[in-house]
């Protein structure tokens, strides 16, 4: 099983939707563009949002076990995936790539 690098590529925000439908949140998302996490196999990296992990864990698991071409050739790197978390108010896009380094 391989390690996977998870990079925060984009953090979006829809304040109009939040204002209309969401109860006020003090610190709803602390992801920063460029932030990098390393998944040791299929173990959630420390500091990664649980909701984001739940959105991507199946992809990390597959890539860490050698899966390729997850999107039928859409990705330039066949050992990667682009995943967004399921927060409809503040979606975050993550680039996940399998590394050559073995998980511990």
N, C-alpha and C. Protein backbone atom coordinates (compact mmCIF):
# COMPACT_ATOMS: atom_id res chain seq x y z
N UNK A 1 0.85 -1.17 0.00
CA UNK A 1 0.00 0.00 0.00
C UNK A 1 0.90 1.24 0.00
N UNK A 2 0.51 2.26 -0.77
CA UNK A 2 1.30 3.49 -0.92
C UNK A 2 0.70 4.63 -0.11
N UNK A 3 1.54 5.62 0.15
CA UNK A 3 1.06 6.87 0.73
C UNK A 3 0.43 7.70 -0.39
N UNK A 4 -0.44 8.62 -0.02
CA UNK A 4 -1.06 9.54 -0.98
C UNK A 4 -0.88 10.97 -0.48
N UNK A 5 -0.56 11.86 -1.42
CA UNK A 5 -0.49 13.30 -1.11
C UNK A 5 -1.84 13.90 -1.46
N UNK A 6 -2.36 14.70 -0.55
CA UNK A 6 -3.64 15.40 -0.74
C UNK A 6 -3.35 16.88 -0.67
N UNK A 7 -3.58 17.58 -1.77
CA UNK A 7 -3.29 19.01 -1.84
C UNK A 7 -4.58 19.81 -2.00
N UNK A 8 -4.75 20.83 -1.17
CA UNK A 8 -5.90 21.72 -1.30
C UNK A 8 -5.65 22.62 -2.50
N UNK A 9 -6.48 22.47 -3.52
CA UNK A 9 -6.29 23.23 -4.76
C UNK A 9 -7.14 24.51 -4.81
N UNK A 10 -8.36 24.42 -4.30
CA UNK A 10 -9.25 25.57 -4.36
C UNK A 10 -10.23 25.53 -3.20
N UNK A 11 -10.45 26.70 -2.61
CA UNK A 11 -11.43 26.86 -1.54
C UNK A 11 -12.46 27.86 -2.05
N UNK A 12 -13.68 27.41 -2.20
CA UNK A 12 -14.74 28.29 -2.70
C UNK A 12 -15.67 28.66 -1.54
N UNK A 13 -16.49 29.66 -1.77
CA UNK A 13 -17.44 30.09 -0.74
C UNK A 13 -18.66 30.69 -1.42
N UNK A 14 -19.83 30.34 -0.93
CA UNK A 14 -21.08 30.87 -1.47
C UNK A 14 -21.84 31.57 -0.35
N UNK A 15 -21.44 32.83 -0.05
CA UNK A 15 -22.05 33.54 1.08
C UNK A 15 -23.55 33.75 0.92
N UNK A 16 -24.03 33.84 -0.32
CA UNK A 16 -25.47 34.01 -0.52
C UNK A 16 -26.24 32.77 -0.05
N UNK A 17 -25.70 31.59 -0.32
CA UNK A 17 -26.34 30.36 0.15
C UNK A 17 -26.24 30.25 1.66
N UNK A 18 -25.07 30.61 2.21
CA UNK A 18 -24.90 30.57 3.66
C UNK A 18 -25.90 31.50 4.34
N UNK A 19 -26.05 32.71 3.82
CA UNK A 19 -26.96 33.68 4.42
C UNK A 19 -28.41 33.20 4.37
N UNK A 20 -28.76 32.51 3.30
CA UNK A 20 -30.14 32.06 3.14
C UNK A 20 -30.47 30.79 3.92
N UNK A 21 -29.50 29.88 4.06
CA UNK A 21 -29.85 28.54 4.55
C UNK A 21 -29.05 28.03 5.74
N UNK A 22 -27.94 28.65 6.06
CA UNK A 22 -27.07 28.09 7.09
C UNK A 22 -27.16 28.86 8.38
N UNK A 23 -27.16 28.14 9.50
CA UNK A 23 -27.03 28.80 10.79
C UNK A 23 -25.62 29.36 10.88
N UNK A 24 -25.44 30.48 11.58
CA UNK A 24 -24.10 31.08 11.68
C UNK A 24 -23.07 30.09 12.21
N UNK A 25 -21.89 30.11 11.61
CA UNK A 25 -20.79 29.25 11.99
C UNK A 25 -19.59 30.11 12.34
N UNK A 26 -18.89 29.80 13.43
CA UNK A 26 -17.74 30.59 13.82
C UNK A 26 -16.52 30.30 12.95
N UNK A 27 -16.17 29.03 12.79
CA UNK A 27 -15.01 28.61 11.99
C UNK A 27 -15.40 27.38 11.18
N UNK A 28 -16.19 27.55 10.14
CA UNK A 28 -16.70 26.37 9.43
C UNK A 28 -15.67 25.60 8.63
N UNK A 29 -14.63 26.25 8.13
CA UNK A 29 -13.64 25.56 7.30
C UNK A 29 -12.30 26.25 7.46
N UNK A 30 -11.26 25.47 7.74
CA UNK A 30 -9.95 26.08 7.91
C UNK A 30 -8.94 25.60 6.86
N UNK A 31 -9.42 25.05 5.76
CA UNK A 31 -8.53 24.60 4.70
C UNK A 31 -7.95 25.82 3.98
N UNK A 32 -6.67 25.73 3.60
CA UNK A 32 -5.98 26.81 2.90
C UNK A 32 -5.46 26.28 1.56
N UNK A 33 -5.62 27.05 0.50
CA UNK A 33 -5.08 26.64 -0.80
C UNK A 33 -3.59 26.40 -0.67
N UNK A 34 -3.12 25.29 -1.23
CA UNK A 34 -1.72 24.93 -1.17
C UNK A 34 -1.38 24.03 0.01
N UNK A 35 -2.29 23.90 0.94
CA UNK A 35 -2.06 23.05 2.10
C UNK A 35 -1.91 21.60 1.63
N UNK A 36 -0.98 20.86 2.23
CA UNK A 36 -0.70 19.48 1.81
C UNK A 36 -0.83 18.55 3.01
N UNK A 37 -1.47 17.42 2.77
CA UNK A 37 -1.60 16.36 3.76
C UNK A 37 -1.04 15.08 3.13
N UNK A 38 -0.48 14.21 3.96
CA UNK A 38 -0.02 12.91 3.48
C UNK A 38 -0.85 11.85 4.18
N UNK A 39 -1.55 11.05 3.38
CA UNK A 39 -2.33 9.94 3.92
C UNK A 39 -1.43 8.72 3.95
N UNK A 40 -1.31 8.12 5.11
CA UNK A 40 -0.53 6.91 5.29
C UNK A 40 -1.44 5.73 4.96
N UNK A 41 -1.47 5.37 3.67
CA UNK A 41 -2.44 4.37 3.24
C UNK A 41 -3.82 4.97 3.33
N UNK A 42 -4.71 4.28 4.01
CA UNK A 42 -6.09 4.76 4.08
C UNK A 42 -6.42 5.39 5.44
N UNK A 43 -5.39 5.91 6.13
CA UNK A 43 -5.59 6.56 7.43
C UNK A 43 -5.73 8.07 7.21
N UNK A 44 -6.77 8.66 7.79
CA UNK A 44 -7.01 10.10 7.65
C UNK A 44 -5.83 10.88 8.22
N UNK A 45 -5.28 11.80 7.44
CA UNK A 45 -4.19 12.63 7.96
C UNK A 45 -4.69 13.57 9.06
N UNK A 46 -3.84 13.80 10.04
CA UNK A 46 -4.18 14.73 11.12
C UNK A 46 -4.40 16.12 10.54
N UNK A 47 -5.45 16.79 11.00
CA UNK A 47 -5.73 18.15 10.57
C UNK A 47 -6.64 18.26 9.36
N UNK A 48 -6.89 17.14 8.70
CA UNK A 48 -7.80 17.16 7.54
C UNK A 48 -9.23 17.06 8.04
N UNK A 49 -10.08 17.90 7.52
CA UNK A 49 -11.49 17.94 7.89
C UNK A 49 -12.14 16.56 7.73
N UNK A 50 -12.89 16.13 8.73
CA UNK A 50 -13.54 14.82 8.68
C UNK A 50 -14.53 14.73 7.52
N UNK A 51 -15.29 15.78 7.28
CA UNK A 51 -16.24 15.78 6.17
C UNK A 51 -15.53 15.63 4.83
N UNK A 52 -14.42 16.32 4.66
CA UNK A 52 -13.63 16.19 3.43
C UNK A 52 -13.10 14.76 3.30
N UNK A 53 -12.58 14.21 4.39
CA UNK A 53 -12.06 12.85 4.37
C UNK A 53 -13.14 11.85 3.96
N UNK A 54 -14.34 12.04 4.49
CA UNK A 54 -15.44 11.14 4.13
C UNK A 54 -15.78 11.23 2.65
N UNK A 55 -15.56 12.39 2.04
CA UNK A 55 -15.81 12.56 0.61
C UNK A 55 -14.73 11.91 -0.25
N UNK A 56 -13.51 11.80 0.28
CA UNK A 56 -12.39 11.34 -0.54
C UNK A 56 -11.80 10.00 -0.14
N UNK A 57 -12.16 9.46 1.01
CA UNK A 57 -11.46 8.28 1.53
C UNK A 57 -11.51 7.08 0.59
N UNK A 58 -12.60 6.88 -0.12
CA UNK A 58 -12.66 5.75 -1.06
C UNK A 58 -11.65 5.91 -2.20
N UNK A 59 -11.43 7.15 -2.63
CA UNK A 59 -10.46 7.43 -3.69
C UNK A 59 -9.03 7.24 -3.19
N UNK A 60 -8.77 7.70 -1.95
CA UNK A 60 -7.45 7.51 -1.35
C UNK A 60 -7.18 6.02 -1.18
N UNK A 61 -8.16 5.29 -0.72
CA UNK A 61 -8.00 3.84 -0.54
C UNK A 61 -7.67 3.18 -1.87
N UNK A 62 -8.41 3.51 -2.92
CA UNK A 62 -8.17 2.91 -4.23
C UNK A 62 -6.78 3.27 -4.76
N UNK A 63 -6.42 4.54 -4.70
CA UNK A 63 -5.11 4.97 -5.20
C UNK A 63 -3.97 4.37 -4.38
N UNK A 64 -4.15 4.28 -3.09
CA UNK A 64 -3.09 3.71 -2.25
C UNK A 64 -2.87 2.23 -2.52
N UNK A 65 -3.88 1.58 -3.08
CA UNK A 65 -3.77 0.16 -3.44
C UNK A 65 -3.42 -0.04 -4.92
N UNK A 66 -3.06 1.03 -5.61
CA UNK A 66 -2.57 0.89 -6.98
C UNK A 66 -3.57 1.14 -8.08
N UNK A 67 -4.76 1.61 -7.76
CA UNK A 67 -5.74 1.90 -8.80
C UNK A 67 -5.21 3.01 -9.72
N UNK A 68 -5.56 2.92 -10.98
CA UNK A 68 -5.20 3.95 -11.95
C UNK A 68 -6.40 4.24 -12.84
N UNK A 69 -6.37 5.39 -13.48
CA UNK A 69 -7.42 5.74 -14.43
C UNK A 69 -8.80 5.84 -13.82
N UNK A 70 -8.91 6.37 -12.63
CA UNK A 70 -10.19 6.45 -11.93
C UNK A 70 -11.26 7.13 -12.76
N UNK A 71 -10.89 8.15 -13.49
CA UNK A 71 -11.87 8.89 -14.31
C UNK A 71 -11.80 8.51 -15.78
N UNK A 72 -11.46 7.27 -16.09
CA UNK A 72 -11.41 6.79 -17.48
C UNK A 72 -10.57 7.70 -18.37
N UNK A 73 -9.39 8.08 -17.90
CA UNK A 73 -8.48 8.85 -18.72
C UNK A 73 -8.60 10.36 -18.63
N UNK A 74 -9.46 10.88 -17.78
CA UNK A 74 -9.62 12.33 -17.67
C UNK A 74 -8.40 12.99 -17.04
N UNK A 75 -7.78 12.29 -16.10
CA UNK A 75 -6.65 12.86 -15.37
C UNK A 75 -5.36 12.66 -16.15
N UNK A 76 -4.53 13.71 -16.21
CA UNK A 76 -3.23 13.59 -16.87
C UNK A 76 -2.35 12.58 -16.17
N UNK A 77 -2.41 12.57 -14.84
CA UNK A 77 -1.68 11.58 -14.05
C UNK A 77 -2.67 10.47 -13.72
N UNK A 78 -2.50 9.27 -14.26
CA UNK A 78 -3.48 8.21 -14.02
C UNK A 78 -3.54 7.74 -12.57
N UNK A 79 -2.53 8.10 -11.78
CA UNK A 79 -2.51 7.72 -10.36
C UNK A 79 -3.00 8.88 -9.49
N UNK A 80 -4.01 9.60 -9.96
CA UNK A 80 -4.51 10.76 -9.24
C UNK A 80 -6.02 10.91 -9.40
N UNK A 81 -6.58 11.81 -8.59
CA UNK A 81 -8.00 12.15 -8.68
C UNK A 81 -8.19 13.56 -8.16
N UNK A 82 -9.19 14.25 -8.66
CA UNK A 82 -9.58 15.57 -8.16
C UNK A 82 -10.94 15.40 -7.50
N UNK A 83 -11.01 15.68 -6.21
CA UNK A 83 -12.21 15.44 -5.43
C UNK A 83 -12.60 16.72 -4.70
N UNK A 84 -13.90 16.97 -4.58
CA UNK A 84 -14.38 18.09 -3.78
C UNK A 84 -15.11 17.56 -2.56
N UNK A 85 -14.99 18.28 -1.46
CA UNK A 85 -15.73 17.89 -0.27
C UNK A 85 -17.21 18.17 -0.51
N UNK A 86 -18.04 17.67 0.36
CA UNK A 86 -19.49 17.78 0.16
C UNK A 86 -20.13 18.98 0.86
N UNK A 87 -19.34 19.98 1.22
CA UNK A 87 -19.88 21.19 1.84
C UNK A 87 -20.45 22.09 0.75
N UNK A 88 -21.74 22.18 0.67
CA UNK A 88 -22.38 22.97 -0.37
C UNK A 88 -22.22 24.47 -0.19
N UNK A 89 -21.82 24.92 1.01
CA UNK A 89 -21.61 26.33 1.27
C UNK A 89 -20.17 26.76 1.00
N UNK A 90 -19.23 25.85 1.26
CA UNK A 90 -17.79 26.14 1.11
C UNK A 90 -17.07 24.93 0.54
N UNK A 91 -17.33 24.56 -0.71
CA UNK A 91 -16.67 23.38 -1.27
C UNK A 91 -15.16 23.60 -1.44
N UNK A 92 -14.41 22.56 -1.14
CA UNK A 92 -12.97 22.60 -1.27
C UNK A 92 -12.57 21.51 -2.26
N UNK A 93 -11.72 21.86 -3.23
CA UNK A 93 -11.24 20.89 -4.21
C UNK A 93 -9.86 20.39 -3.79
N UNK A 94 -9.71 19.06 -3.81
CA UNK A 94 -8.48 18.41 -3.40
C UNK A 94 -7.91 17.59 -4.56
N UNK A 95 -6.60 17.70 -4.77
CA UNK A 95 -5.89 16.87 -5.74
C UNK A 95 -5.23 15.75 -4.95
N UNK A 96 -5.56 14.52 -5.27
CA UNK A 96 -5.02 13.36 -4.57
C UNK A 96 -4.13 12.60 -5.54
N UNK A 97 -2.92 12.28 -5.10
CA UNK A 97 -2.01 11.52 -5.95
C UNK A 97 -1.29 10.46 -5.14
N UNK A 98 -1.20 9.27 -5.72
CA UNK A 98 -0.46 8.18 -5.10
C UNK A 98 1.03 8.47 -5.19
N UNK A 99 1.74 8.22 -4.11
CA UNK A 99 3.18 8.39 -4.08
C UNK A 99 3.85 7.02 -4.24
N UNK A 100 5.12 7.03 -4.51
CA UNK A 100 5.86 5.77 -4.62
C UNK A 100 6.22 5.22 -3.24
N UNK A 101 6.18 6.08 -2.24
CA UNK A 101 6.56 5.69 -0.88
C UNK A 101 5.53 4.75 -0.27
N UNK A 102 6.01 3.68 0.33
CA UNK A 102 5.14 2.70 0.97
C UNK A 102 4.56 3.28 2.25
N UNK A 103 3.30 2.95 2.51
CA UNK A 103 2.66 3.34 3.77
C UNK A 103 3.28 2.55 4.92
N UNK A 104 3.24 3.13 6.09
CA UNK A 104 3.83 2.48 7.27
C UNK A 104 2.84 1.55 7.91
